[in-house]
Amino acid sequence: MFSVIKKTKALEAKIDEFLDTILKASMEFREGLKYYLNGDIEEFEKRSRLVDRLESNADNIRREVENRIYLEMLIPEARGDVLALLENSDNVLNAIADTIVEFSIEKPKFPEDLKDQIENLADVSIEAVEEMVATVRSYFKNLTAVRDHLTKVMFYENESDKVGERIKRQVFTREDLHLCNKLQIRTFVVYLQEIADKAEDVGDRVAIYTMKRLV
């Protein structure tokens, strides 16, 4: 990590814990959605509650990291960048948590022949998040790896756009769905796409902050 962070292993560990929590929540989200699409609502709700707890834990960890950075005057030359990076990474987790809550509340119904595509959309969006986490880790630990992970974030975000658009086009050409069903499906497709979009936003920030460190 930054040379000043190396002076406090506690802070380094907390940043890793924060990123680990985002990873865990993203994986639980993906598994929960699979249960949802397979009709196992009970298991889905368990995963939903777990994502909520992880999101809350991540908030607490982020605040602790921010307080340490401010109170201990650590990494002054890049403090603003690090704080913004933590905040925006947390926004990705918030999008994941909000989305699974919306599934729990609205319980959207998807035609059987669309479920695989919905699952695929969730998969590529979460892949974007996982690569985002790897990108952020690289920013702290290995700048030379940032580019590779960032390229993958952009790839998966682009895939989410393609899959989401394909689903929406199929939905709105169908005659066996009411308009209200079509609109609800579109809304949840957008929710899933936005997870990848936010992950890409974090990746873009890392790219900028990395260039600042290399200059």
C-alpha atoms as a PDB file:
ATOM      1  CA  MET A   1       0.000   0.000   0.000  1.00  0.00           C
ATOM      2  CA  PHE A   2       1.054   3.648   0.242  1.00  0.00           C
ATOM      3  CA  SER A   3       4.282   3.983   2.197  1.00  0.00           C
ATOM      4  CA  VAL A   4       2.511   5.820   5.001  1.00  0.00           C
ATOM      5  CA  ILE A   5      -0.147   3.126   5.235  1.00  0.00           C
ATOM      6  CA  LYS A   6       2.572   0.528   5.715  1.00  0.00           C
ATOM      7  CA  LYS A   7       3.281   2.207   9.033  1.00  0.00           C
ATOM      8  CA  THR A   8      -0.072   1.023  10.367  1.00  0.00           C
ATOM      9  CA  LYS A   9      -1.011  -2.562   9.642  1.00  0.00           C
ATOM     10  CA  ALA A  10      -4.365  -1.948  11.329  1.00  0.00           C
ATOM     11  CA  LEU A  11      -5.425   0.495   8.614  1.00  0.00           C
ATOM     12  CA  GLU A  12      -4.186  -1.792   5.853  1.00  0.00           C
ATOM     13  CA  ALA A  13      -6.172  -4.665   7.348  1.00  0.00           C
ATOM     14  CA  LYS A  14      -9.312  -2.540   7.624  1.00  0.00           C
ATOM     15  CA  ILE A  15      -9.185  -1.508   3.977  1.00  0.00           C
ATOM     16  CA  ASP A  16      -8.797  -5.165   3.008  1.00  0.00           C
ATOM     17  CA  GLU A  17     -11.706  -6.061   5.281  1.00  0.00           C
ATOM     18  CA  PHE A  18     -13.851  -3.393   3.635  1.00  0.00           C
ATOM     19  CA  LEU A  19     -13.090  -4.727   0.166  1.00  0.00           C
ATOM     20  CA  ASP A  20     -13.612  -8.312   1.323  1.00  0.00           C
ATOM     21  CA  THR A  21     -17.058  -7.335   2.594  1.00  0.00           C
ATOM     22  CA  ILE A  22     -18.026  -5.907  -0.789  1.00  0.00           C
ATOM     23  CA  LEU A  23     -16.877  -9.149  -2.417  1.00  0.00           C
ATOM     24  CA  LYS A  24     -18.835 -11.305   0.001  1.00  0.00           C
ATOM     25  CA  ALA A  25     -21.992  -9.258  -0.485  1.00  0.00           C
ATOM     26  CA  SER A  26     -21.688  -9.437  -4.268  1.00  0.00           C
ATOM     27  CA  MET A  27     -21.312 -13.220  -4.164  1.00  0.00           C
ATOM     28  CA  GLU A  28     -24.240 -13.611  -1.788  1.00  0.00           C
ATOM     29  CA  PHE A  29     -26.311 -11.415  -4.083  1.00  0.00           C
ATOM     30  CA  ARG A  30     -25.504 -13.572  -7.076  1.00  0.00           C
ATOM     31  CA  GLU A  31     -26.357 -16.775  -5.225  1.00  0.00           C
ATOM     32  CA  GLY A  32     -29.505 -15.240  -3.795  1.00  0.00           C
ATOM     33  CA  LEU A  33     -30.740 -14.240  -7.224  1.00  0.00           C
ATOM     34  CA  LYS A  34     -30.199 -17.779  -8.485  1.00  0.00           C
ATOM     35  CA  TYR A  35     -32.394 -19.061  -5.672  1.00  0.00           C
ATOM     36  CA  TYR A  36     -34.979 -16.426  -6.522  1.00  0.00           C
ATOM     37  CA  LEU A  37     -35.108 -17.399 -10.181  1.00  0.00           C
ATOM     38  CA  ASN A  38     -35.395 -21.064  -9.206  1.00  0.00           C
ATOM     39  CA  GLY A  39     -38.357 -20.300  -6.967  1.00  0.00           C
ATOM     40  CA  ASP A  40     -36.621 -20.891  -3.625  1.00  0.00           C
ATOM     41  CA  ILE A  41     -37.833 -17.708  -1.969  1.00  0.00           C
ATOM     42  CA  GLU A  42     -36.943 -18.826   1.543  1.00  0.00           C
ATOM     43  CA  GLU A  43     -33.269 -19.271   0.679  1.00  0.00           C
ATOM     44  CA  PHE A  44     -33.360 -16.061  -1.343  1.00  0.00           C
ATOM     45  CA  GLU A  45     -34.611 -14.129   1.682  1.00  0.00           C
ATOM     46  CA  LYS A  46     -31.794 -15.570   3.796  1.00  0.00           C
ATOM     47  CA  ARG A  47     -29.275 -14.288   1.264  1.00  0.00           C
ATOM     48  CA  SER A  48     -31.066 -10.943   1.139  1.00  0.00           C
ATOM     49  CA  ARG A  49     -30.760 -10.518   4.900  1.00  0.00           C
ATOM     50  CA  LEU A  50     -27.107 -11.492   4.741  1.00  0.00           C
ATOM     51  CA  VAL A  51     -26.410  -8.896   2.056  1.00  0.00           C
ATOM     52  CA  ASP A  52     -28.098  -6.298   4.253  1.00  0.00           C
ATOM     53  CA  ARG A  53     -25.870  -7.208   7.214  1.00  0.00           C
ATOM     54  CA  LEU A  54     -22.759  -7.112   5.060  1.00  0.00           C
ATOM     55  CA  GLU A  55     -23.723  -3.700   3.712  1.00  0.00           C
ATOM     56  CA  SER A  56     -24.140  -2.407   7.259  1.00  0.00           C
ATOM     57  CA  ASN A  57     -20.797  -3.906   8.284  1.00  0.00           C
ATOM     58  CA  ALA A  58     -19.092  -2.278   5.312  1.00  0.00           C
ATOM     59  CA  ASP A  59     -20.470   1.126   6.325  1.00  0.00           C
ATOM     60  CA  ASN A  60     -19.014   0.706   9.802  1.00  0.00           C
ATOM     61  CA  ILE A  61     -15.642  -0.387   8.464  1.00  0.00           C
ATOM     62  CA  ARG A  62     -15.532   2.492   5.985  1.00  0.00           C
ATOM     63  CA  ARG A  63     -16.258   5.032   8.728  1.00  0.00           C
ATOM     64  CA  GLU A  64     -13.511   3.560  10.889  1.00  0.00           C
ATOM     65  CA  VAL A  65     -11.036   3.784   8.022  1.00  0.00           C
ATOM     66  CA  GLU A  66     -12.051   7.372   7.287  1.00  0.00           C
ATOM     67  CA  ASN A  67     -11.642   8.353  10.954  1.00  0.00           C
ATOM     68  CA  ARG A  68      -8.197   6.773  11.092  1.00  0.00           C
ATOM     69  CA  ILE A  69      -7.117   8.607   7.961  1.00  0.00           C
ATOM     70  CA  TYR A  70      -8.302  11.959   9.339  1.00  0.00           C
ATOM     71  CA  LEU A  71      -7.293  11.605  12.992  1.00  0.00           C
ATOM     72  CA  GLU A  72      -3.907  10.039  12.349  1.00  0.00           C
ATOM     73  CA  MET A  73      -3.177  12.369   9.421  1.00  0.00           C
ATOM     74  CA  LEU A  74      -2.278   9.426   7.218  1.00  0.00           C
ATOM     75  CA  ILE A  75      -1.556   9.620   3.471  1.00  0.00           C
ATOM     76  CA  PRO A  76      -2.015  13.424   3.361  1.00  0.00           C
ATOM     77  CA  GLU A  77      -0.886  13.677  -0.281  1.00  0.00           C
ATOM     78  CA  ALA A  78      -3.679  11.352  -1.461  1.00  0.00           C
ATOM     79  CA  ARG A  79      -6.172  11.448   1.377  1.00  0.00           C
ATOM     80  CA  GLY A  80      -8.970  12.987  -0.694  1.00  0.00           C
ATOM     81  CA  ASP A  81      -8.556  10.403  -3.428  1.00  0.00           C
ATOM     82  CA  VAL A  82      -8.614   7.509  -0.979  1.00  0.00           C
ATOM     83  CA  LEU A  83     -11.688   8.808   0.842  1.00  0.00           C
ATOM     84  CA  ALA A  84     -13.548   9.323  -2.453  1.00  0.00           C
ATOM     85  CA  LEU A  85     -12.546   5.844  -3.580  1.00  0.00           C
ATOM     86  CA  LEU A  86     -13.905   4.279  -0.408  1.00  0.00           C
ATOM     87  CA  GLU A  87     -17.134   6.247  -0.651  1.00  0.00           C
ATOM     88  CA  ASN A  88     -17.748   5.307  -4.273  1.00  0.00           C
ATOM     89  CA  SER A  89     -16.889   1.669  -3.668  1.00  0.00           C
ATOM     90  CA  ASP A  90     -19.465   1.729  -0.880  1.00  0.00           C
ATOM     91  CA  ASN A  91     -21.994   3.117  -3.373  1.00  0.00           C
ATOM     92  CA  VAL A  92     -21.567  -0.043  -5.443  1.00  0.00           C
ATOM     93  CA  LEU A  93     -22.391  -2.160  -2.416  1.00  0.00           C
ATOM     94  CA  ASN A  94     -25.392   0.072  -1.698  1.00  0.00           C
ATOM     95  CA  ALA A  95     -26.665  -0.575  -5.228  1.00  0.00           C
ATOM     96  CA  ILE A  96     -26.337  -4.321  -4.674  1.00  0.00           C
ATOM     97  CA  ALA A  97     -28.160  -4.145  -1.336  1.00  0.00           C
ATOM     98  CA  ASP A  98     -30.896  -1.881  -2.717  1.00  0.00           C
ATOM     99  CA  THR A  99     -31.458  -4.169  -5.683  1.00  0.00           C
ATOM    100  CA  ILE A 100     -31.905  -7.328  -3.638  1.00  0.00           C
ATOM    101  CA  VAL A 101     -34.312  -5.464  -1.359  1.00  0.00           C
ATOM    102  CA  GLU A 102     -36.371  -4.447  -4.381  1.00  0.00           C
ATOM    103  CA  PHE A 103     -36.510  -8.078  -5.480  1.00  0.00           C
ATOM    104  CA  SER A 104     -37.719  -8.981  -1.994  1.00  0.00           C
ATOM    105  CA  ILE A 105     -40.392  -6.267  -1.969  1.00  0.00           C
ATOM    106  CA  GLU A 106     -41.776  -6.435  -5.509  1.00  0.00           C
ATOM    107  CA  LYS A 107     -41.045 -10.065  -6.304  1.00  0.00           C
ATOM    108  CA  PRO A 108     -41.000  -9.536 -10.086  1.00  0.00           C
ATOM    109  CA  LYS A 109     -42.100 -12.409 -12.286  1.00  0.00           C
ATOM    110  CA  PHE A 110     -39.928 -13.388 -15.232  1.00  0.00           C
ATOM    111  CA  PRO A 111     -41.012 -15.672 -18.078  1.00  0.00           C
ATOM    112  CA  GLU A 112     -39.262 -19.030 -17.840  1.00  0.00           C
ATOM    113  CA  ASP A 113     -37.444 -18.495 -21.128  1.00  0.00           C
ATOM    114  CA  LEU A 114     -35.936 -15.232 -19.837  1.00  0.00           C
ATOM    115  CA  LYS A 115     -34.620 -16.490 -16.505  1.00  0.00           C
ATOM    116  CA  ASP A 116     -31.294 -17.690 -17.906  1.00  0.00           C
ATOM    117  CA  GLN A 117     -30.708 -14.292 -19.445  1.00  0.00           C
ATOM    118  CA  ILE A 118     -31.571 -12.500 -16.204  1.00  0.00           C
ATOM    119  CA  GLU A 119     -29.129 -14.754 -14.377  1.00  0.00           C
ATOM    120  CA  ASN A 120     -26.508 -14.050 -17.031  1.00  0.00           C
ATOM    121  CA  LEU A 121     -27.042 -10.313 -16.591  1.00  0.00           C
ATOM    122  CA  ALA A 122     -26.577 -10.647 -12.839  1.00  0.00           C
ATOM    123  CA  ASP A 123     -23.437 -12.714 -13.408  1.00  0.00           C
ATOM    124  CA  VAL A 124     -21.707 -10.212 -15.679  1.00  0.00           C
ATOM    125  CA  SER A 125     -22.680  -7.298 -13.429  1.00  0.00           C
ATOM    126  CA  ILE A 126     -21.212  -9.029 -10.400  1.00  0.00           C
ATOM    127  CA  GLU A 127     -18.125  -9.944 -12.426  1.00  0.00           C
ATOM    128  CA  ALA A 128     -17.702  -6.201 -12.970  1.00  0.00           C
ATOM    129  CA  VAL A 129     -17.915  -5.656  -9.213  1.00  0.00           C
ATOM    130  CA  GLU A 130     -15.368  -8.385  -8.474  1.00  0.00           C
ATOM    131  CA  GLU A 131     -12.930  -6.886 -10.956  1.00  0.00           C
ATOM    132  CA  MET A 132     -13.623  -3.436  -9.490  1.00  0.00           C
ATOM    133  CA  VAL A 133     -12.560  -4.728  -6.076  1.00  0.00           C
ATOM    134  CA  ALA A 134      -9.402  -6.180  -7.632  1.00  0.00           C
ATOM    135  CA  THR A 135      -8.758  -2.816  -9.297  1.00  0.00           C
ATOM    136  CA  VAL A 136      -9.051  -0.961  -6.005  1.00  0.00           C
ATOM    137  CA  ARG A 137      -6.757  -3.459  -4.264  1.00  0.00           C
ATOM    138  CA  SER A 138      -4.214  -2.991  -7.029  1.00  0.00           C
ATOM    139  CA  TYR A 139      -4.324   0.770  -6.534  1.00  0.00           C
ATOM    140  CA  PHE A 140      -3.132   0.267  -2.958  1.00  0.00           C
ATOM    141  CA  LYS A 141      -0.801  -2.676  -3.458  1.00  0.00           C
ATOM    142  CA  ASN A 142       0.340  -3.059  -7.067  1.00  0.00           C
ATOM    143  CA  LEU A 143      -0.174  -0.222  -9.509  1.00  0.00           C
ATOM    144  CA  THR A 144       1.069  -2.291 -12.436  1.00  0.00           C
ATOM    145  CA  ALA A 145      -1.997  -4.569 -12.113  1.00  0.00           C
ATOM    146  CA  VAL A 146      -4.545  -1.756 -12.210  1.00  0.00           C
ATOM    147  CA  ARG A 147      -4.774  -1.656 -15.990  1.00  0.00           C
ATOM    148  CA  ASP A 148      -5.504  -5.368 -16.391  1.00  0.00           C
ATOM    149  CA  HIS A 149      -8.302  -5.365 -13.829  1.00  0.00           C
ATOM    150  CA  LEU A 150      -9.707  -2.112 -15.149  1.00  0.00           C
ATOM    151  CA  THR A 151      -9.898  -3.591 -18.633  1.00  0.00           C
ATOM    152  CA  LYS A 152     -11.966  -6.444 -17.225  1.00  0.00           C
ATOM    153  CA  VAL A 153     -14.290  -4.050 -15.397  1.00  0.00           C
ATOM    154  CA  MET A 154     -14.957  -2.237 -18.668  1.00  0.00           C
ATOM    155  CA  PHE A 155     -15.488  -5.530 -20.490  1.00  0.00           C
ATOM    156  CA  TYR A 156     -18.083  -6.815 -18.029  1.00  0.00           C
ATOM    157  CA  GLU A 157     -19.848  -3.464 -17.868  1.00  0.00           C
ATOM    158  CA  ASN A 158     -20.116  -3.495 -21.652  1.00  0.00           C
ATOM    159  CA  GLU A 159     -21.451  -7.062 -21.518  1.00  0.00           C
ATOM    160  CA  SER A 160     -24.093  -6.000 -19.010  1.00  0.00           C
ATOM    161  CA  ASP A 161     -25.211  -3.282 -21.418  1.00  0.00           C
ATOM    162  CA  LYS A 162     -25.462  -5.775 -24.261  1.00  0.00           C
ATOM    163  CA  VAL A 163     -27.314  -8.429 -22.260  1.00  0.00           C
ATOM    164  CA  GLY A 164     -29.652  -5.877 -20.714  1.00  0.00           C
ATOM    165  CA  GLU A 165     -30.511  -4.320 -24.044  1.00  0.00           C
ATOM    166  CA  ARG A 166     -31.171  -7.738 -25.560  1.00  0.00           C
ATOM    167  CA  ILE A 167     -33.553  -8.629 -22.739  1.00  0.00           C
ATOM    168  CA  LYS A 168     -35.438  -5.347 -22.996  1.00  0.00           C
ATOM    169  CA  ARG A 169     -35.825  -5.656 -26.750  1.00  0.00           C
ATOM    170  CA  GLN A 170     -37.179  -9.183 -26.381  1.00  0.00           C
ATOM    171  CA  VAL A 171     -39.571  -8.189 -23.618  1.00  0.00           C
ATOM    172  CA  PHE A 172     -41.110  -5.292 -25.496  1.00  0.00           C
ATOM    173  CA  THR A 173     -41.721  -7.316 -28.643  1.00  0.00           C
ATOM    174  CA  ARG A 174     -43.632 -10.027 -26.785  1.00  0.00           C
ATOM    175  CA  GLU A 175     -47.396 -10.202 -26.974  1.00  0.00           C
ATOM    176  CA  ASP A 176     -47.859 -12.585 -24.059  1.00  0.00           C
ATOM    177  CA  LEU A 177     -46.943  -9.971 -21.425  1.00  0.00           C
ATOM    178  CA  HIS A 178     -48.991  -7.030 -20.187  1.00  0.00           C
ATOM    179  CA  LEU A 179     -47.357  -3.623 -20.363  1.00  0.00           C
ATOM    180  CA  CYS A 180     -47.083  -3.449 -16.565  1.00  0.00           C
ATOM    181  CA  ASN A 181     -45.118  -6.730 -16.594  1.00  0.00           C
ATOM    182  CA  LYS A 182     -42.845  -5.437 -19.323  1.00  0.00           C
ATOM    183  CA  LEU A 183     -42.164  -2.234 -17.409  1.00  0.00           C
ATOM    184  CA  GLN A 184     -41.383  -4.109 -14.213  1.00  0.00           C
ATOM    185  CA  ILE A 185     -38.960  -6.436 -15.974  1.00  0.00           C
ATOM    186  CA  ARG A 186     -37.266  -3.460 -17.609  1.00  0.00           C
ATOM    187  CA  THR A 187     -36.908  -1.778 -14.213  1.00  0.00           C
ATOM    188  CA  PHE A 188     -35.131  -4.775 -12.726  1.00  0.00           C
ATOM    189  CA  VAL A 189     -32.919  -5.140 -15.770  1.00  0.00           C
ATOM    190  CA  VAL A 190     -31.880  -1.520 -15.236  1.00  0.00           C
ATOM    191  CA  TYR A 191     -31.183  -2.200 -11.553  1.00  0.00           C
ATOM    192  CA  LEU A 192     -28.807  -4.996 -12.526  1.00  0.00           C
ATOM    193  CA  GLN A 193     -27.131  -2.902 -15.214  1.00  0.00           C
ATOM    194  CA  GLU A 194     -26.600  -0.042 -12.760  1.00  0.00           C
ATOM    195  CA  ILE A 195     -24.523  -2.273 -10.509  1.00  0.00           C
ATOM    196  CA  ALA A 196     -22.027  -2.722 -13.336  1.00  0.00           C
ATOM    197  CA  ASP A 197     -22.261   0.972 -14.230  1.00  0.00           C
ATOM    198  CA  LYS A 198     -21.298   1.995 -10.700  1.00  0.00           C
ATOM    199  CA  ALA A 199     -18.457  -0.512 -10.693  1.00  0.00           C
ATOM    200  CA  GLU A 200     -17.136   1.067 -13.882  1.00  0.00           C
ATOM    201  CA  ASP A 201     -17.401   4.522 -12.290  1.00  0.00           C
ATOM    202  CA  VAL A 202     -15.109   3.337  -9.499  1.00  0.00           C
ATOM    203  CA  GLY A 203     -12.733   1.881 -12.059  1.00  0.00           C
ATOM    204  CA  ASP A 204     -12.617   5.231 -13.865  1.00  0.00           C
ATOM    205  CA  ARG A 205     -11.686   6.938 -10.603  1.00  0.00           C
ATOM    206  CA  VAL A 206      -8.921   4.434  -9.945  1.00  0.00           C
ATOM    207  CA  ALA A 207      -7.532   5.093 -13.433  1.00  0.00           C
ATOM    208  CA  ILE A 208      -7.364   8.830 -12.706  1.00  0.00           C
ATOM    209  CA  TYR A 209      -5.861   8.391  -9.245  1.00  0.00           C
ATOM    210  CA  THR A 210      -3.307   5.942 -10.601  1.00  0.00           C
ATOM    211  CA  MET A 211      -2.136   8.429 -13.223  1.00  0.00           C
ATOM    212  CA  LYS A 212      -1.762  11.062 -10.483  1.00  0.00           C
ATOM    213  CA  ARG A 213       0.472   8.719  -8.491  1.00  0.00           C
ATOM    214  CA  LEU A 214       2.606   7.859 -11.492  1.00  0.00           C
ATOM    215  CA  VAL A 215       3.171  11.433 -12.596  1.00  0.00           C
END
